[in-house]
C-alpha atoms as a PDB file:
ATOM      1  CA  MET A   1       0.000   0.000   0.000  1.00  0.00           C
ATOM      2  CA  SER A   2       1.304   3.419  -0.947  1.00  0.00           C
ATOM      3  CA  ARG A   3       1.155   6.383   1.370  1.00  0.00           C
ATOM      4  CA  THR A   4       0.961   9.893  -0.017  1.00  0.00           C
ATOM      5  CA  THR A   5       1.842  12.948   2.007  1.00  0.00           C
ATOM      6  CA  THR A   6       1.561  16.586   1.144  1.00  0.00           C
ATOM      7  CA  THR A   7       3.822  19.354   2.280  1.00  0.00           C
ATOM      8  CA  GLY A   8       1.455  22.196   1.479  1.00  0.00           C
ATOM      9  CA  THR A   9       1.691  24.860  -1.163  1.00  0.00           C
ATOM     10  CA  ALA A  10       3.737  27.963  -1.631  1.00  0.00           C
ATOM     11  CA  PRO A  11       2.141  31.245  -0.640  1.00  0.00           C
ATOM     12  CA  GLN A  12       0.605  33.076  -3.578  1.00  0.00           C
ATOM     13  CA  THR A  13       1.740  36.626  -4.206  1.00  0.00           C
ATOM     14  CA  GLY A  14      -0.758  37.501  -6.934  1.00  0.00           C
ATOM     15  CA  LYS A  15       2.081  38.709  -9.166  1.00  0.00           C
ATOM     16  CA  ALA A  16       3.194  37.212 -12.424  1.00  0.00           C
ATOM     17  CA  PRO A  17       6.523  35.346 -12.178  1.00  0.00           C
ATOM     18  CA  ASN A  18       8.332  37.915 -14.325  1.00  0.00           C
ATOM     19  CA  SER A  19       6.589  41.047 -13.110  1.00  0.00           C
ATOM     20  CA  PRO A  20       8.716  44.188 -12.802  1.00  0.00           C
ATOM     21  CA  ALA A  21       7.814  44.437  -9.105  1.00  0.00           C
ATOM     22  CA  GLN A  22      10.016  41.447  -8.336  1.00  0.00           C
ATOM     23  CA  ASN A  23      13.766  41.642  -7.891  1.00  0.00           C
ATOM     24  CA  GLN A  24      15.757  41.361 -11.071  1.00  0.00           C
ATOM     25  CA  SER A  25      17.055  37.908 -10.201  1.00  0.00           C
ATOM     26  CA  THR A  26      14.596  35.041 -10.257  1.00  0.00           C
ATOM     27  CA  VAL A  27      14.820  32.767  -7.255  1.00  0.00           C
ATOM     28  CA  PRO A  28      14.437  29.040  -8.016  1.00  0.00           C
ATOM     29  CA  GLN A  29      11.196  28.036  -6.278  1.00  0.00           C
ATOM     30  CA  GLU A  30      12.519  24.536  -5.591  1.00  0.00           C
ATOM     31  CA  LYS A  31      15.365  25.999  -3.544  1.00  0.00           C
ATOM     32  CA  VAL A  32      13.010  28.296  -1.653  1.00  0.00           C
ATOM     33  CA  ALA A  33      10.640  25.421  -0.907  1.00  0.00           C
ATOM     34  CA  SER A  34      13.480  23.240   0.339  1.00  0.00           C
ATOM     35  CA  ARG A  35      14.928  26.004   2.533  1.00  0.00           C
ATOM     36  CA  ALA A  36      11.482  26.898   3.928  1.00  0.00           C
ATOM     37  CA  TYR A  37      10.868  23.232   4.724  1.00  0.00           C
ATOM     38  CA  GLN A  38      14.179  23.035   6.589  1.00  0.00           C
ATOM     39  CA  LYS A  39      13.213  26.130   8.572  1.00  0.00           C
ATOM     40  CA  TRP A  40       9.888  24.496   9.423  1.00  0.00           C
ATOM     41  CA  LEU A  41      11.673  21.368  10.643  1.00  0.00           C
ATOM     42  CA  GLN A  42      14.182  23.383  12.666  1.00  0.00           C
ATOM     43  CA  GLY A  43      11.327  25.360  14.192  1.00  0.00           C
ATOM     44  CA  GLY A  44       9.730  22.215  15.594  1.00  0.00           C
ATOM     45  CA  CYS A  45       7.225  21.640  12.769  1.00  0.00           C
ATOM     46  CA  LYS A  46       4.871  24.300  14.114  1.00  0.00           C
ATOM     47  CA  HIS A  47       1.968  25.160  11.862  1.00  0.00           C
ATOM     48  CA  GLY A  48       1.062  28.709  10.976  1.00  0.00           C
ATOM     49  CA  CYS A  49       4.578  29.926  10.154  1.00  0.00           C
ATOM     50  CA  ASP A  50       4.681  28.850   6.518  1.00  0.00           C
ATOM     51  CA  GLN A  51       4.603  32.336   5.021  1.00  0.00           C
ATOM     52  CA  GLN A  52       7.312  33.590   7.365  1.00  0.00           C
ATOM     53  CA  HIS A  53       9.526  30.585   6.558  1.00  0.00           C
ATOM     54  CA  TRP A  54       8.946  31.096   2.836  1.00  0.00           C
ATOM     55  CA  TYR A  55       9.769  34.805   3.026  1.00  0.00           C
ATOM     56  CA  GLU A  56      12.933  34.223   5.056  1.00  0.00           C
ATOM     57  CA  ALA A  57      14.088  31.432   2.749  1.00  0.00           C
ATOM     58  CA  GLU A  58      13.480  33.565  -0.339  1.00  0.00           C
ATOM     59  CA  GLN A  59      15.387  36.520   1.121  1.00  0.00           C
ATOM     60  CA  GLU A  60      18.316  34.320   2.169  1.00  0.00           C
ATOM     61  CA  ILE A  61      18.587  32.770  -1.277  1.00  0.00           C
ATOM     62  CA  ARG A  62      18.318  36.181  -2.978  1.00  0.00           C
ATOM     63  CA  SER A  63      21.180  37.424  -0.794  1.00  0.00           C
ATOM     64  CA  GLU A  64      23.282  34.356  -1.583  1.00  0.00           C
ATOM     65  CA  MET A  65      22.640  34.768  -5.316  1.00  0.00           C
ATOM     66  CA  ALA A  66      23.546  38.477  -5.178  1.00  0.00           C
ATOM     67  CA  ARG A  67      26.735  37.702  -3.257  1.00  0.00           C
ATOM     68  CA  ALA A  68      27.697  35.023  -5.771  1.00  0.00           C
ATOM     69  CA  ALA A  69      26.991  37.382  -8.691  1.00  0.00           C
ATOM     70  CA  GLY A  70      29.139  40.052  -7.044  1.00  0.00           C
ATOM     71  CA  GLN A  71      32.062  37.658  -6.670  1.00  0.00           C
ATOM     72  CA  LYS A  72      31.951  36.772 -10.382  1.00  0.00           C
ATOM     73  CA  ARG A  73      32.472  40.396 -11.429  1.00  0.00           C
END
């Protein structure tokens, strides 16, 4: 017998993926989801913090990408 679990969905921003309102660099959603999940695990798997975890993960990855782009120049 197979068991299926769900991890939830990403928060919706209501903006198109390539809208000008977003930062110039696109953050890979898979990386954000993975980082947010790790934050959820580290936080004791408490429910109700998904948007905060997602936001923090996205900001961290944006910073890392900007730092890496700066080092290449």
